[in-house]
Amino acid sequence: MNMDSLSLILTAAAFIVGIMLLTGHGEIFMKGGNADVRKKLYDEKKMEKGCGWALIAIGVVSAVDMFTTSLAAEIGYIVAVLIIIIALVYYLKVKCKK
């Protein structure tokens, strides 16, 4: 098994932060950057929900990756994370605009 402590910590953190964002208690993780412009352009609640789902999906993919050791599985992991990030950016740009 490829279950090292860093992977376990990152997977648990992704799940915890994702659940906090989905339940509305994770607005602290949405701070930073140019918040005033972001608040004018985007719906903050939709952004939190989308980021929460993306983090949970990354946590699931990371959890599966902990139990795999082949090169094909590692490439699949990278492709899956890239797809999740691209989907999140699309959701933020298209669905979260005011």
PDB file of N, CA and C in Angstrom:
ATOM      1  N   MET A   1       0.828  -1.181   0.000  1.00  0.00           N
ATOM      2  CA  MET A   1       0.000   0.000   0.000  1.00  0.00           C
ATOM      3  C   MET A   1       0.871   1.242   0.000  1.00  0.00           C
ATOM      4  N   ASN A   2       0.390   2.279  -0.648  1.00  0.00           N
ATOM      5  CA  ASN A   2       1.104   3.542  -0.772  1.00  0.00           C
ATOM      6  C   ASN A   2       0.526   4.581   0.181  1.00  0.00           C
ATOM      7  N   MET A   3       0.090   4.161   1.355  1.00  0.00           N
ATOM      8  CA  MET A   3      -0.621   5.050   2.267  1.00  0.00           C
ATOM      9  C   MET A   3       0.360   5.718   3.219  1.00  0.00           C
ATOM     10  N   ASP A   4       0.958   6.827   2.780  1.00  0.00           N
ATOM     11  CA  ASP A   4       1.859   7.542   3.653  1.00  0.00           C
ATOM     12  C   ASP A   4       1.100   8.636   4.397  1.00  0.00           C
ATOM     13  N   SER A   5       1.720   9.207   5.402  1.00  0.00           N
ATOM     14  CA  SER A   5       1.024  10.145   6.283  1.00  0.00           C
ATOM     15  C   SER A   5       0.667  11.451   5.582  1.00  0.00           C
ATOM     16  N   LEU A   6       1.495  11.917   4.652  1.00  0.00           N
ATOM     17  CA  LEU A   6       1.185  13.169   3.953  1.00  0.00           C
ATOM     18  C   LEU A   6      -0.072  13.017   3.103  1.00  0.00           C
ATOM     19  N   SER A   7      -0.204  11.916   2.406  1.00  0.00           N
ATOM     20  CA  SER A   7      -1.408  11.676   1.611  1.00  0.00           C
ATOM     21  C   SER A   7      -2.642  11.585   2.491  1.00  0.00           C
ATOM     22  N   LEU A   8      -2.501  10.946   3.611  1.00  0.00           N
ATOM     23  CA  LEU A   8      -3.621  10.825   4.543  1.00  0.00           C
ATOM     24  C   LEU A   8      -4.034  12.188   5.091  1.00  0.00           C
ATOM     25  N   ILE A   9      -3.072  13.014   5.455  1.00  0.00           N
ATOM     26  CA  ILE A   9      -3.362  14.352   5.980  1.00  0.00           C
ATOM     27  C   ILE A   9      -4.018  15.215   4.908  1.00  0.00           C
ATOM     28  N   LEU A  10      -3.491  15.190   3.681  1.00  0.00           N
ATOM     29  CA  LEU A  10      -4.073  16.002   2.606  1.00  0.00           C
ATOM     30  C   LEU A  10      -5.478  15.542   2.239  1.00  0.00           C
ATOM     31  N   THR A  11      -5.711  14.251   2.243  1.00  0.00           N
ATOM     32  CA  THR A  11      -7.040  13.732   1.952  1.00  0.00           C
ATOM     33  C   THR A  11      -8.024  14.148   3.036  1.00  0.00           C
ATOM     34  N   ALA A  12      -7.634  14.008   4.285  1.00  0.00           N
ATOM     35  CA  ALA A  12      -8.510  14.404   5.394  1.00  0.00           C
ATOM     36  C   ALA A  12      -8.778  15.906   5.359  1.00  0.00           C
ATOM     37  N   ALA A  13      -7.763  16.703   5.060  1.00  0.00           N
ATOM     38  CA  ALA A  13      -7.942  18.159   4.989  1.00  0.00           C
ATOM     39  C   ALA A  13      -8.897  18.533   3.861  1.00  0.00           C
ATOM     40  N   ALA A  14      -8.782  17.874   2.717  1.00  0.00           N
ATOM     41  CA  ALA A  14      -9.684  18.159   1.592  1.00  0.00           C
ATOM     42  C   ALA A  14     -11.128  17.836   1.968  1.00  0.00           C
ATOM     43  N   PHE A  15     -11.341  16.708   2.641  1.00  0.00           N
ATOM     44  CA  PHE A  15     -12.692  16.352   3.066  1.00  0.00           C
ATOM     45  C   PHE A  15     -13.235  17.350   4.092  1.00  0.00           C
ATOM     46  N   ILE A  16     -12.439  17.704   5.077  1.00  0.00           N
ATOM     47  CA  ILE A  16     -12.902  18.599   6.133  1.00  0.00           C
ATOM     48  C   ILE A  16     -13.229  19.981   5.585  1.00  0.00           C
ATOM     49  N   VAL A  17     -12.322  20.546   4.802  1.00  0.00           N
ATOM     50  CA  VAL A  17     -12.560  21.881   4.240  1.00  0.00           C
ATOM     51  C   VAL A  17     -13.720  21.838   3.259  1.00  0.00           C
ATOM     52  N   GLY A  18     -13.832  20.787   2.452  1.00  0.00           N
ATOM     53  CA  GLY A  18     -14.948  20.651   1.524  1.00  0.00           C
ATOM     54  C   GLY A  18     -16.289  20.603   2.234  1.00  0.00           C
ATOM     55  N   ILE A  19     -16.369  19.848   3.307  1.00  0.00           N
ATOM     56  CA  ILE A  19     -17.621  19.759   4.072  1.00  0.00           C
ATOM     57  C   ILE A  19     -17.924  21.093   4.738  1.00  0.00           C
ATOM     58  N   MET A  20     -16.898  21.774   5.245  1.00  0.00           N
ATOM     59  CA  MET A  20     -17.127  23.085   5.850  1.00  0.00           C
ATOM     60  C   MET A  20     -17.656  24.080   4.823  1.00  0.00           C
ATOM     61  N   LEU A  21     -17.121  24.052   3.619  1.00  0.00           N
ATOM     62  CA  LEU A  21     -17.604  24.956   2.572  1.00  0.00           C
ATOM     63  C   LEU A  21     -19.034  24.622   2.166  1.00  0.00           C
ATOM     64  N   LEU A  22     -19.347  23.348   2.080  1.00  0.00           N
ATOM     65  CA  LEU A  22     -20.710  22.954   1.695  1.00  0.00           C
ATOM     66  C   LEU A  22     -21.745  23.334   2.735  1.00  0.00           C
ATOM     67  N   THR A  23     -21.380  23.278   4.001  1.00  0.00           N
ATOM     68  CA  THR A  23     -22.339  23.584   5.056  1.00  0.00           C
ATOM     69  C   THR A  23     -22.410  25.071   5.381  1.00  0.00           C
ATOM     70  N   GLY A  24     -21.587  25.882   4.728  1.00  0.00           N
ATOM     71  CA  GLY A  24     -21.639  27.324   4.955  1.00  0.00           C
ATOM     72  C   GLY A  24     -20.761  27.818   6.079  1.00  0.00           C
ATOM     73  N   HIS A  25     -19.917  26.955   6.622  1.00  0.00           N
ATOM     74  CA  HIS A  25     -19.036  27.335   7.725  1.00  0.00           C
ATOM     75  C   HIS A  25     -17.589  27.536   7.286  1.00  0.00           C
ATOM     76  N   GLY A  26     -17.342  27.571   5.997  1.00  0.00           N
ATOM     77  CA  GLY A  26     -15.971  27.648   5.510  1.00  0.00           C
ATOM     78  C   GLY A  26     -15.630  28.938   4.808  1.00  0.00           C
ATOM     79  N   GLU A  27     -16.367  30.022   5.128  1.00  0.00           N
ATOM     80  CA  GLU A  27     -16.088  31.281   4.447  1.00  0.00           C
ATOM     81  C   GLU A  27     -14.688  31.808   4.743  1.00  0.00           C
ATOM     82  N   ILE A  28     -14.072  31.355   5.806  1.00  0.00           N
ATOM     83  CA  ILE A  28     -12.702  31.751   6.133  1.00  0.00           C
ATOM     84  C   ILE A  28     -11.728  31.284   5.046  1.00  0.00           C
ATOM     85  N   PHE A  29     -12.053  30.170   4.384  1.00  0.00           N
ATOM     86  CA  PHE A  29     -11.185  29.634   3.334  1.00  0.00           C
ATOM     87  C   PHE A  29     -11.364  30.362   2.002  1.00  0.00           C
ATOM     88  N   MET A  30     -12.379  31.206   1.911  1.00  0.00           N
ATOM     89  CA  MET A  30     -12.635  31.957   0.686  1.00  0.00           C
ATOM     90  C   MET A  30     -12.075  33.379   0.762  1.00  0.00           C
ATOM     91  N   LYS A  31     -11.389  33.711   1.817  1.00  0.00           N
ATOM     92  CA  LYS A  31     -10.820  35.046   1.980  1.00  0.00           C
ATOM     93  C   LYS A  31      -9.564  35.191   1.145  1.00  0.00           C
ATOM     94  N   GLY A  32      -9.119  36.425   1.008  1.00  0.00           N
ATOM     95  CA  GLY A  32      -7.873  36.687   0.302  1.00  0.00           C
ATOM     96  C   GLY A  32      -8.107  37.184  -1.103  1.00  0.00           C
ATOM     97  N   GLY A  33      -7.036  37.608  -1.711  1.00  0.00           N
ATOM     98  CA  GLY A  33      -7.143  38.136  -3.058  1.00  0.00           C
ATOM     99  C   GLY A  33      -7.851  39.476  -3.051  1.00  0.00           C
ATOM    100  N   ASN A  34      -8.522  39.782  -4.114  1.00  0.00           N
ATOM    101  CA  ASN A  34      -9.263  41.021  -4.245  1.00  0.00           C
ATOM    102  C   ASN A  34     -10.723  40.739  -3.925  1.00  0.00           C
ATOM    103  N   ALA A  35     -11.047  40.666  -2.641  1.00  0.00           N
ATOM    104  CA  ALA A  35     -12.361  40.228  -2.182  1.00  0.00           C
ATOM    105  C   ALA A  35     -13.468  41.188  -2.593  1.00  0.00           C
ATOM    106  N   ASP A  36     -13.186  42.483  -2.627  1.00  0.00           N
ATOM    107  CA  ASP A  36     -14.225  43.446  -2.990  1.00  0.00           C
ATOM    108  C   ASP A  36     -14.686  43.256  -4.430  1.00  0.00           C
ATOM    109  N   VAL A  37     -13.752  43.077  -5.334  1.00  0.00           N
ATOM    110  CA  VAL A  37     -14.104  42.857  -6.740  1.00  0.00           C
ATOM    111  C   VAL A  37     -14.818  41.517  -6.894  1.00  0.00           C
ATOM    112  N   ARG A  38     -14.342  40.501  -6.199  1.00  0.00           N
ATOM    113  CA  ARG A  38     -14.957  39.176  -6.284  1.00  0.00           C
ATOM    114  C   ARG A  38     -16.398  39.213  -5.787  1.00  0.00           C
ATOM    115  N   LYS A  39     -16.659  39.964  -4.723  1.00  0.00           N
ATOM    116  CA  LYS A  39     -18.020  40.043  -4.193  1.00  0.00           C
ATOM    117  C   LYS A  39     -18.957  40.746  -5.162  1.00  0.00           C
ATOM    118  N   LYS A  40     -18.436  41.696  -5.928  1.00  0.00           N
ATOM    119  CA  LYS A  40     -19.268  42.392  -6.913  1.00  0.00           C
ATOM    120  C   LYS A  40     -19.569  41.517  -8.127  1.00  0.00           C
ATOM    121  N   LEU A  41     -18.621  40.691  -8.516  1.00  0.00           N
ATOM    122  CA  LEU A  41     -18.748  39.923  -9.748  1.00  0.00           C
ATOM    123  C   LEU A  41     -19.358  38.534  -9.569  1.00  0.00           C
ATOM    124  N   TYR A  42     -19.169  37.920  -8.400  1.00  0.00           N
ATOM    125  CA  TYR A  42     -19.554  36.520  -8.223  1.00  0.00           C
ATOM    126  C   TYR A  42     -20.499  36.344  -7.043  1.00  0.00           C
ATOM    127  N   ASP A  43     -21.317  35.314  -7.117  1.00  0.00           N
ATOM    128  CA  ASP A  43     -22.189  34.919  -6.017  1.00  0.00           C
ATOM    129  C   ASP A  43     -21.357  34.081  -5.039  1.00  0.00           C
ATOM    130  N   GLU A  44     -21.135  34.611  -3.851  1.00  0.00           N
ATOM    131  CA  GLU A  44     -20.246  33.968  -2.878  1.00  0.00           C
ATOM    132  C   GLU A  44     -20.755  32.589  -2.434  1.00  0.00           C
ATOM    133  N   LYS A  45     -22.050  32.448  -2.247  1.00  0.00           N
ATOM    134  CA  LYS A  45     -22.592  31.160  -1.780  1.00  0.00           C
ATOM    135  C   LYS A  45     -22.401  30.068  -2.836  1.00  0.00           C
ATOM    136  N   LYS A  46     -22.621  30.420  -4.105  1.00  0.00           N
ATOM    137  CA  LYS A  46     -22.404  29.434  -5.175  1.00  0.00           C
ATOM    138  C   LYS A  46     -20.929  29.068  -5.268  1.00  0.00           C
ATOM    139  N   MET A  47     -20.066  30.051  -5.058  1.00  0.00           N
ATOM    140  CA  MET A  47     -18.630  29.772  -5.092  1.00  0.00           C
ATOM    141  C   MET A  47     -18.247  28.809  -3.986  1.00  0.00           C
ATOM    142  N   GLU A  48     -18.779  29.025  -2.779  1.00  0.00           N
ATOM    143  CA  GLU A  48     -18.471  28.128  -1.662  1.00  0.00           C
ATOM    144  C   GLU A  48     -18.941  26.712  -1.955  1.00  0.00           C
ATOM    145  N   LYS A  49     -20.148  26.574  -2.494  1.00  0.00           N
ATOM    146  CA  LYS A  49     -20.670  25.236  -2.801  1.00  0.00           C
ATOM    147  C   LYS A  49     -19.817  24.550  -3.867  1.00  0.00           C
ATOM    148  N   GLY A  50     -19.473  25.273  -4.915  1.00  0.00           N
ATOM    149  CA  GLY A  50     -18.668  24.683  -5.986  1.00  0.00           C
ATOM    150  C   GLY A  50     -17.289  24.273  -5.503  1.00  0.00           C
ATOM    151  N   CYS A  51     -16.653  25.127  -4.711  1.00  0.00           N
ATOM    152  CA  CYS A  51     -15.329  24.794  -4.175  1.00  0.00           C
ATOM    153  C   CYS A  51     -15.415  23.635  -3.194  1.00  0.00           C
ATOM    154  N   GLY A  52     -16.502  23.567  -2.428  1.00  0.00           N
ATOM    155  CA  GLY A  52     -16.694  22.448  -1.507  1.00  0.00           C
ATOM    156  C   GLY A  52     -16.806  21.125  -2.234  1.00  0.00           C
ATOM    157  N   TRP A  53     -17.616  21.097  -3.299  1.00  0.00           N
ATOM    158  CA  TRP A  53     -17.753  19.862  -4.073  1.00  0.00           C
ATOM    159  C   TRP A  53     -16.442  19.481  -4.742  1.00  0.00           C
ATOM    160  N   ALA A  54     -15.710  20.483  -5.231  1.00  0.00           N
ATOM    161  CA  ALA A  54     -14.420  20.190  -5.877  1.00  0.00           C
ATOM    162  C   ALA A  54     -13.428  19.610  -4.877  1.00  0.00           C
ATOM    163  N   LEU A  55     -13.394  20.154  -3.673  1.00  0.00           N
ATOM    164  CA  LEU A  55     -12.468  19.636  -2.665  1.00  0.00           C
ATOM    165  C   LEU A  55     -12.844  18.229  -2.227  1.00  0.00           C
ATOM    166  N   ILE A  56     -14.130  17.961  -2.110  1.00  0.00           N
ATOM    167  CA  ILE A  56     -14.541  16.599  -1.755  1.00  0.00           C
ATOM    168  C   ILE A  56     -14.168  15.632  -2.873  1.00  0.00           C
ATOM    169  N   ALA A  57     -14.343  16.042  -4.133  1.00  0.00           N
ATOM    170  CA  ALA A  57     -13.961  15.185  -5.254  1.00  0.00           C
ATOM    171  C   ALA A  57     -12.451  14.947  -5.256  1.00  0.00           C
ATOM    172  N   ILE A  58     -11.671  15.980  -4.980  1.00  0.00           N
ATOM    173  CA  ILE A  58     -10.216  15.804  -4.894  1.00  0.00           C
ATOM    174  C   ILE A  58      -9.859  14.889  -3.731  1.00  0.00           C
ATOM    175  N   GLY A  59     -10.580  14.998  -2.620  1.00  0.00           N
ATOM    176  CA  GLY A  59     -10.350  14.102  -1.490  1.00  0.00           C
ATOM    177  C   GLY A  59     -10.641  12.649  -1.843  1.00  0.00           C
ATOM    178  N   VAL A  60     -11.719  12.417  -2.592  1.00  0.00           N
ATOM    179  CA  VAL A  60     -12.059  11.052  -3.008  1.00  0.00           C
ATOM    180  C   VAL A  60     -10.979  10.493  -3.935  1.00  0.00           C
ATOM    181  N   VAL A  61     -10.557  11.301  -4.903  1.00  0.00           N
ATOM    182  CA  VAL A  61      -9.524  10.856  -5.843  1.00  0.00           C
ATOM    183  C   VAL A  61      -8.217  10.592  -5.096  1.00  0.00           C
ATOM    184  N   SER A  62      -7.892  11.442  -4.132  1.00  0.00           N
ATOM    185  CA  SER A  62      -6.667  11.249  -3.348  1.00  0.00           C
ATOM    186  C   SER A  62      -6.756   9.999  -2.478  1.00  0.00           C
ATOM    187  N   ALA A  63      -7.944   9.733  -1.931  1.00  0.00           N
ATOM    188  CA  ALA A  63      -8.118   8.532  -1.118  1.00  0.00           C
ATOM    189  C   ALA A  63      -7.926   7.274  -1.965  1.00  0.00           C
ATOM    190  N   VAL A  64      -8.462   7.294  -3.174  1.00  0.00           N
ATOM    191  CA  VAL A  64      -8.278   6.153  -4.073  1.00  0.00           C
ATOM    192  C   VAL A  64      -6.801   6.019  -4.443  1.00  0.00           C
ATOM    193  N   ASP A  65      -6.134   7.152  -4.657  1.00  0.00           N
ATOM    194  CA  ASP A  65      -4.721   7.134  -5.041  1.00  0.00           C
ATOM    195  C   ASP A  65      -3.829   6.558  -3.933  1.00  0.00           C
ATOM    196  N   MET A  66      -4.245   6.687  -2.684  1.00  0.00           N
ATOM    197  CA  MET A  66      -3.444   6.136  -1.583  1.00  0.00           C
ATOM    198  C   MET A  66      -3.322   4.618  -1.669  1.00  0.00           C
ATOM    199  N   PHE A  67      -4.282   3.968  -2.277  1.00  0.00           N
ATOM    200  CA  PHE A  67      -4.297   2.514  -2.317  1.00  0.00           C
ATOM    201  C   PHE A  67      -3.790   1.936  -3.637  1.00  0.00           C
ATOM    202  N   THR A  68      -3.306   2.799  -4.535  1.00  0.00           N
ATOM    203  CA  THR A  68      -2.795   2.325  -5.819  1.00  0.00           C
ATOM    204  C   THR A  68      -1.302   2.606  -5.913  1.00  0.00           C
ATOM    205  N   THR A  69      -0.607   1.776  -6.690  1.00  0.00           N
ATOM    206  CA  THR A  69       0.840   1.946  -6.813  1.00  0.00           C
ATOM    207  C   THR A  69       1.329   1.979  -8.254  1.00  0.00           C
ATOM    208  N   SER A  70       0.490   1.673  -9.205  1.00  0.00           N
ATOM    209  CA  SER A  70       0.962   1.586 -10.588  1.00  0.00           C
ATOM    210  C   SER A  70       1.106   2.972 -11.220  1.00  0.00           C
ATOM    211  N   LEU A  71       1.911   3.021 -12.261  1.00  0.00           N
ATOM    212  CA  LEU A  71       2.141   4.270 -12.971  1.00  0.00           C
ATOM    213  C   LEU A  71       0.863   4.745 -13.657  1.00  0.00           C
ATOM    214  N   ALA A  72       0.084   3.822 -14.203  1.00  0.00           N
ATOM    215  CA  ALA A  72      -1.171   4.191 -14.861  1.00  0.00           C
ATOM    216  C   ALA A  72      -2.148   4.833 -13.872  1.00  0.00           C
ATOM    217  N   ALA A  73      -2.168   4.329 -12.640  1.00  0.00           N
ATOM    218  CA  ALA A  73      -3.041   4.902 -11.622  1.00  0.00           C
ATOM    219  C   ALA A  73      -2.579   6.311 -11.241  1.00  0.00           C
ATOM    220  N   GLU A  74      -1.281   6.528 -11.190  1.00  0.00           N
ATOM    221  CA  GLU A  74      -0.763   7.860 -10.869  1.00  0.00           C
ATOM    222  C   GLU A  74      -1.089   8.854 -11.982  1.00  0.00           C
ATOM    223  N   ILE A  75      -0.977   8.415 -13.225  1.00  0.00           N
ATOM    224  CA  ILE A  75      -1.341   9.281 -14.351  1.00  0.00           C
ATOM    225  C   ILE A  75      -2.841   9.565 -14.325  1.00  0.00           C
ATOM    226  N   GLY A  76      -3.627   8.560 -14.012  1.00  0.00           N
ATOM    227  CA  GLY A  76      -5.070   8.740 -13.877  1.00  0.00           C
ATOM    228  C   GLY A  76      -5.419   9.724 -12.777  1.00  0.00           C
ATOM    229  N   TYR A  77      -4.668   9.671 -11.679  1.00  0.00           N
ATOM    230  CA  TYR A  77      -4.876  10.599 -10.571  1.00  0.00           C
ATOM    231  C   TYR A  77      -4.628  12.033 -11.028  1.00  0.00           C
ATOM    232  N   ILE A  78      -3.541  12.259 -11.728  1.00  0.00           N
ATOM    233  CA  ILE A  78      -3.213  13.606 -12.200  1.00  0.00           C
ATOM    234  C   ILE A  78      -4.271  14.097 -13.184  1.00  0.00           C
ATOM    235  N   VAL A  79      -4.705  13.229 -14.093  1.00  0.00           N
ATOM    236  CA  VAL A  79      -5.734  13.604 -15.059  1.00  0.00           C
ATOM    237  C   VAL A  79      -7.047  13.924 -14.349  1.00  0.00           C
ATOM    238  N   ALA A  80      -7.412  13.128 -13.355  1.00  0.00           N
ATOM    239  CA  ALA A  80      -8.656  13.363 -12.619  1.00  0.00           C
ATOM    240  C   ALA A  80      -8.617  14.688 -11.875  1.00  0.00           C
ATOM    241  N   VAL A  81      -7.499  15.001 -11.236  1.00  0.00           N
ATOM    242  CA  VAL A  81      -7.382  16.278 -10.527  1.00  0.00           C
ATOM    243  C   VAL A  81      -7.452  17.447 -11.507  1.00  0.00           C
ATOM    244  N   LEU A  82      -6.807  17.316 -12.656  1.00  0.00           N
ATOM    245  CA  LEU A  82      -6.879  18.376 -13.667  1.00  0.00           C
ATOM    246  C   LEU A  82      -8.309  18.564 -14.178  1.00  0.00           C
ATOM    247  N   ILE A  83      -9.033  17.485 -14.382  1.00  0.00           N
ATOM    248  CA  ILE A  83     -10.429  17.584 -14.825  1.00  0.00           C
ATOM    249  C   ILE A  83     -11.279  18.275 -13.767  1.00  0.00           C
ATOM    250  N   ILE A  84     -11.058  17.949 -12.503  1.00  0.00           N
ATOM    251  CA  ILE A  84     -11.809  18.582 -11.424  1.00  0.00           C
ATOM    252  C   ILE A  84     -11.513  20.077 -11.386  1.00  0.00           C
ATOM    253  N   ILE A  85     -10.263  20.462 -11.527  1.00  0.00           N
ATOM    254  CA  ILE A  85      -9.893  21.876 -11.487  1.00  0.00           C
ATOM    255  C   ILE A  85     -10.482  22.620 -12.683  1.00  0.00           C
ATOM    256  N   ILE A  86     -10.427  22.022 -13.864  1.00  0.00           N
ATOM    257  CA  ILE A  86     -11.001  22.657 -15.052  1.00  0.00           C
ATOM    258  C   ILE A  86     -12.513  22.810 -14.899  1.00  0.00           C
ATOM    259  N   ALA A  87     -13.172  21.793 -14.374  1.00  0.00           N
ATOM    260  CA  ALA A  87     -14.616  21.876 -14.148  1.00  0.00           C
ATOM    261  C   ALA A  87     -14.949  22.960 -13.128  1.00  0.00           C
ATOM    262  N   LEU A  88     -14.138  23.093 -12.091  1.00  0.00           N
ATOM    263  CA  LEU A  88     -14.373  24.126 -11.087  1.00  0.00           C
ATOM    264  C   LEU A  88     -14.211  25.518 -11.693  1.00  0.00           C
ATOM    265  N   VAL A  89     -13.170  25.722 -12.475  1.00  0.00           N
ATOM    266  CA  VAL A  89     -12.958  27.025 -13.112  1.00  0.00           C
ATOM    267  C   VAL A  89     -14.122  27.346 -14.049  1.00  0.00           C
ATOM    268  N   TYR A  90     -14.574  26.367 -14.815  1.00  0.00           N
ATOM    269  CA  TYR A  90     -15.726  26.576 -15.695  1.00  0.00           C
ATOM    270  C   TYR A  90     -16.956  26.955 -14.880  1.00  0.00           C
ATOM    271  N   TYR A  91     -17.214  26.229 -13.806  1.00  0.00           N
ATOM    272  CA  TYR A  91     -18.375  26.513 -12.951  1.00  0.00           C
ATOM    273  C   TYR A  91     -18.287  27.920 -12.375  1.00  0.00           C
ATOM    274  N   LEU A  92     -17.111  28.305 -11.911  1.00  0.00           N
ATOM    275  CA  LEU A  92     -16.951  29.629 -11.325  1.00  0.00           C
ATOM    276  C   LEU A  92     -17.147  30.727 -12.364  1.00  0.00           C
ATOM    277  N   LYS A  93     -16.617  30.533 -13.569  1.00  0.00           N
ATOM    278  CA  LYS A  93     -16.712  31.566 -14.612  1.00  0.00           C
ATOM    279  C   LYS A  93     -18.106  31.649 -15.226  1.00  0.00           C
ATOM    280  N   VAL A  94     -18.818  30.534 -15.329  1.00  0.00           N
ATOM    281  CA  VAL A  94     -20.101  30.536 -16.029  1.00  0.00           C
ATOM    282  C   VAL A  94     -21.284  30.599 -15.071  1.00  0.00           C
ATOM    283  N   LYS A  95     -21.305  29.767 -14.051  1.00  0.00           N
ATOM    284  CA  LYS A  95     -22.482  29.650 -13.194  1.00  0.00           C
ATOM    285  C   LYS A  95     -22.501  30.611 -12.005  1.00  0.00           C
ATOM    286  N   CYS A  96     -21.348  31.096 -11.585  1.00  0.00           N
ATOM    287  CA  CYS A  96     -21.296  31.932 -10.382  1.00  0.00           C
ATOM    288  C   CYS A  96     -21.281  33.424 -10.680  1.00  0.00           C
ATOM    289  N   LYS A  97     -21.297  33.825 -11.939  1.00  0.00           N
ATOM    290  CA  LYS A  97     -21.329  35.244 -12.287  1.00  0.00           C
ATOM    291  C   LYS A  97     -22.667  35.843 -11.877  1.00  0.00           C
ATOM    292  N   LYS A  98     -22.606  37.081 -11.419  1.00  0.00           N
ATOM    293  CA  LYS A  98     -23.849  37.782 -11.073  1.00  0.00           C
ATOM    294  C   LYS A  98     -24.438  38.406 -12.307  1.00  0.00           C
TER     295      LYS A  98
END
